[in-house]
Amino acid sequence: MISRITSSIFFLFCICSVGFASSGEELALTRLSVTTDMLVSIGEEMACSPIAGMLVMEDTVSVDFTMSPDYTYQFIMWTESTFNFVDFWMNDSSGEARRSDLGDHTTFSVIPRSGEPEVWQLQMELLDGASADTAYYAVVALRRERDSLI
């Protein structure tokens, strides 16, 4: 009897955890889409599908992006809460870091300098969560042809 109750509680906990995870990611994606919808409407092109996931306190998440020298890029990141403090930074292909202010969202603009495609890494570390030691994030890369900027 006790094992059946324990199993039921564990099952309920797993279902609730999955429900909260998807709602956190959905909220981060919703916050992201408010910005990206406007930028796409004025000519930016999505270079990839939005990426969403979970940040754990003081654990760095890294996402690689390959960028063509034919485009300029804008990276937009949001979390699900306005009270998260996340350290966002990008490492260029040589390993040099570009940092942002701590907050729940940020953007980076990148113009690849090499004549060849380059791999840059977006890094994110949750330093202070809104009410937990985890936070959900969403990120997207937008691009525009360099010729269209002239």
Protein backbone atom coordinates (compact mmCIF):
# COMPACT_ATOMS: atom_id res chain seq x y z
CA MET A 1 0.00 0.00 0.00
CA ILE A 2 2.75 2.48 0.96
CA SER A 3 4.74 1.69 -2.19
CA ARG A 4 1.61 2.33 -4.31
CA ILE A 5 1.13 5.74 -2.63
CA THR A 6 4.84 6.55 -3.07
CA SER A 7 4.67 5.54 -6.72
CA SER A 8 1.57 7.69 -7.23
CA ILE A 9 3.21 10.71 -5.61
CA PHE A 10 6.37 10.23 -7.70
CA PHE A 11 4.28 9.91 -10.89
CA LEU A 12 2.33 13.07 -10.02
CA PHE A 13 5.59 14.93 -9.30
CA CYS A 14 7.01 13.89 -12.70
CA ILE A 15 3.89 15.04 -14.55
CA CYS A 16 3.88 18.39 -12.74
CA SER A 17 7.59 18.92 -13.45
CA VAL A 18 7.07 18.36 -17.16
CA GLY A 19 4.09 20.73 -17.16
CA PHE A 20 6.05 23.49 -15.44
CA ALA A 21 9.03 22.98 -17.76
CA SER A 22 7.01 23.37 -20.91
CA SER A 23 5.16 26.41 -19.54
CA GLY A 24 8.48 28.10 -18.59
CA GLU A 25 9.89 27.51 -22.06
CA GLU A 26 6.63 28.69 -23.63
CA LEU A 27 6.74 31.89 -21.60
CA ALA A 28 10.36 32.56 -22.63
CA LEU A 29 9.43 31.87 -26.28
CA THR A 30 6.45 34.23 -25.99
CA ARG A 31 8.66 37.02 -24.64
CA LEU A 32 11.13 36.35 -27.47
CA SER A 33 8.46 36.37 -30.18
CA VAL A 34 7.28 39.87 -29.21
CA THR A 35 10.68 41.18 -30.31
CA THR A 36 11.38 38.87 -33.23
CA ASP A 37 7.96 39.31 -34.85
CA MET A 38 8.59 43.04 -35.11
CA LEU A 39 12.12 42.58 -36.52
CA VAL A 40 11.02 39.99 -39.08
CA SER A 41 8.26 42.35 -40.23
CA ILE A 42 10.88 45.01 -41.09
CA GLY A 43 13.12 42.68 -43.08
CA GLU A 44 15.21 40.58 -40.71
CA GLU A 45 15.40 36.89 -41.57
CA MET A 46 15.44 34.12 -38.98
CA ALA A 47 18.77 32.30 -39.34
CA CYS A 48 17.52 29.41 -37.20
CA SER A 49 14.46 28.26 -35.33
CA PRO A 50 14.17 29.62 -31.80
CA ILE A 51 16.04 27.51 -29.24
CA ALA A 52 14.62 27.13 -25.74
CA GLY A 53 15.83 25.34 -22.67
CA MET A 54 16.55 25.51 -18.97
CA LEU A 55 19.36 27.27 -17.11
CA VAL A 56 20.50 25.84 -13.78
CA MET A 57 22.06 28.11 -11.16
CA GLU A 58 25.78 28.69 -11.82
CA ASP A 59 25.92 26.14 -14.67
CA THR A 60 26.94 27.50 -18.07
CA VAL A 61 24.87 26.62 -21.14
CA SER A 62 26.66 26.93 -24.49
CA VAL A 63 25.06 27.12 -27.95
CA ASP A 64 27.17 27.11 -31.14
CA PHE A 65 26.23 29.20 -34.17
CA THR A 66 27.91 29.04 -37.56
CA MET A 67 27.86 32.42 -39.27
CA SER A 68 28.50 33.26 -42.91
CA PRO A 69 30.48 36.39 -43.81
CA ASP A 70 27.69 37.28 -46.28
CA TYR A 71 25.36 38.31 -43.42
CA THR A 72 25.19 40.44 -40.30
CA TYR A 73 23.58 38.76 -37.31
CA GLN A 74 21.52 39.79 -34.34
CA PHE A 75 21.09 37.40 -31.42
CA ILE A 76 18.16 37.93 -29.07
CA MET A 77 17.81 36.15 -25.73
CA TRP A 78 14.95 36.23 -23.20
CA THR A 79 14.17 34.35 -20.00
CA GLU A 80 10.72 33.59 -18.67
CA SER A 81 10.92 36.09 -15.79
CA THR A 82 11.87 39.75 -15.48
CA PHE A 83 13.56 38.95 -12.16
CA ASN A 84 16.26 36.59 -13.47
CA PHE A 85 19.89 37.72 -13.53
CA VAL A 86 21.71 35.90 -16.32
CA ASP A 87 25.25 36.49 -17.49
CA PHE A 88 25.11 36.38 -21.31
CA TRP A 89 28.26 36.43 -23.42
CA MET A 90 29.43 35.39 -26.88
CA ASN A 91 32.82 33.94 -27.72
CA ASP A 92 33.97 34.72 -31.25
CA SER A 93 35.85 32.21 -33.40
CA SER A 94 39.17 33.25 -31.80
CA GLY A 95 37.79 32.76 -28.27
CA GLU A 96 37.45 36.45 -27.39
CA ALA A 97 34.38 37.15 -25.25
CA ARG A 98 31.77 39.90 -25.67
CA ARG A 99 29.70 40.37 -22.53
CA SER A 100 26.35 41.99 -21.79
CA ASP A 101 24.92 43.51 -18.62
CA LEU A 102 23.25 41.07 -16.22
CA GLY A 103 19.52 40.78 -16.75
CA ASP A 104 16.61 38.74 -18.00
CA HIS A 105 17.29 39.50 -21.68
CA THR A 106 19.93 40.87 -24.04
CA THR A 107 20.91 41.22 -27.68
CA PHE A 108 24.19 40.91 -29.54
CA SER A 109 24.97 42.21 -33.02
CA VAL A 110 27.69 40.34 -34.90
CA ILE A 111 29.43 41.05 -38.19
CA PRO A 112 31.72 38.14 -39.08
CA ARG A 113 35.13 39.47 -40.14
CA SER A 114 36.58 36.36 -41.71
CA GLY A 115 36.06 35.46 -45.37
CA GLU A 116 35.04 31.97 -44.22
CA PRO A 117 32.11 30.80 -42.09
CA GLU A 118 32.88 31.15 -38.37
CA VAL A 119 31.56 29.33 -35.29
CA TRP A 120 30.63 31.59 -32.37
CA GLN A 121 29.40 30.34 -29.00
CA LEU A 122 26.59 31.92 -27.04
CA GLN A 123 27.16 31.33 -23.33
CA MET A 124 24.54 31.79 -20.59
CA GLU A 125 24.86 31.40 -16.82
CA LEU A 126 22.01 31.90 -14.33
CA LEU A 127 23.36 33.93 -11.40
CA ASP A 128 20.10 34.66 -9.60
CA GLY A 129 16.72 33.12 -10.41
CA ALA A 130 13.37 34.81 -9.84
CA SER A 131 12.14 32.32 -7.28
CA ALA A 132 14.12 29.14 -7.95
CA ASP A 133 17.55 27.86 -8.87
CA THR A 134 16.45 27.35 -12.49
CA ALA A 135 15.19 29.58 -15.27
CA TYR A 136 13.98 28.99 -18.80
CA TYR A 137 15.44 30.79 -21.80
CA ALA A 138 14.70 31.29 -25.49
CA VAL A 139 17.19 32.52 -28.10
CA VAL A 140 17.11 33.16 -31.84
CA ALA A 141 19.57 34.40 -34.44
CA LEU A 142 18.33 36.85 -37.06
CA ARG A 143 20.33 37.81 -40.12
CA ARG A 144 20.39 40.33 -42.92
CA GLU A 145 22.45 40.29 -46.12
CA ARG A 146 25.37 42.68 -45.91
CA ASP A 147 24.60 44.12 -49.37
CA SER A 148 21.14 45.20 -48.18
CA LEU A 149 22.74 47.45 -45.53
CA ILE A 150 24.50 49.67 -48.08
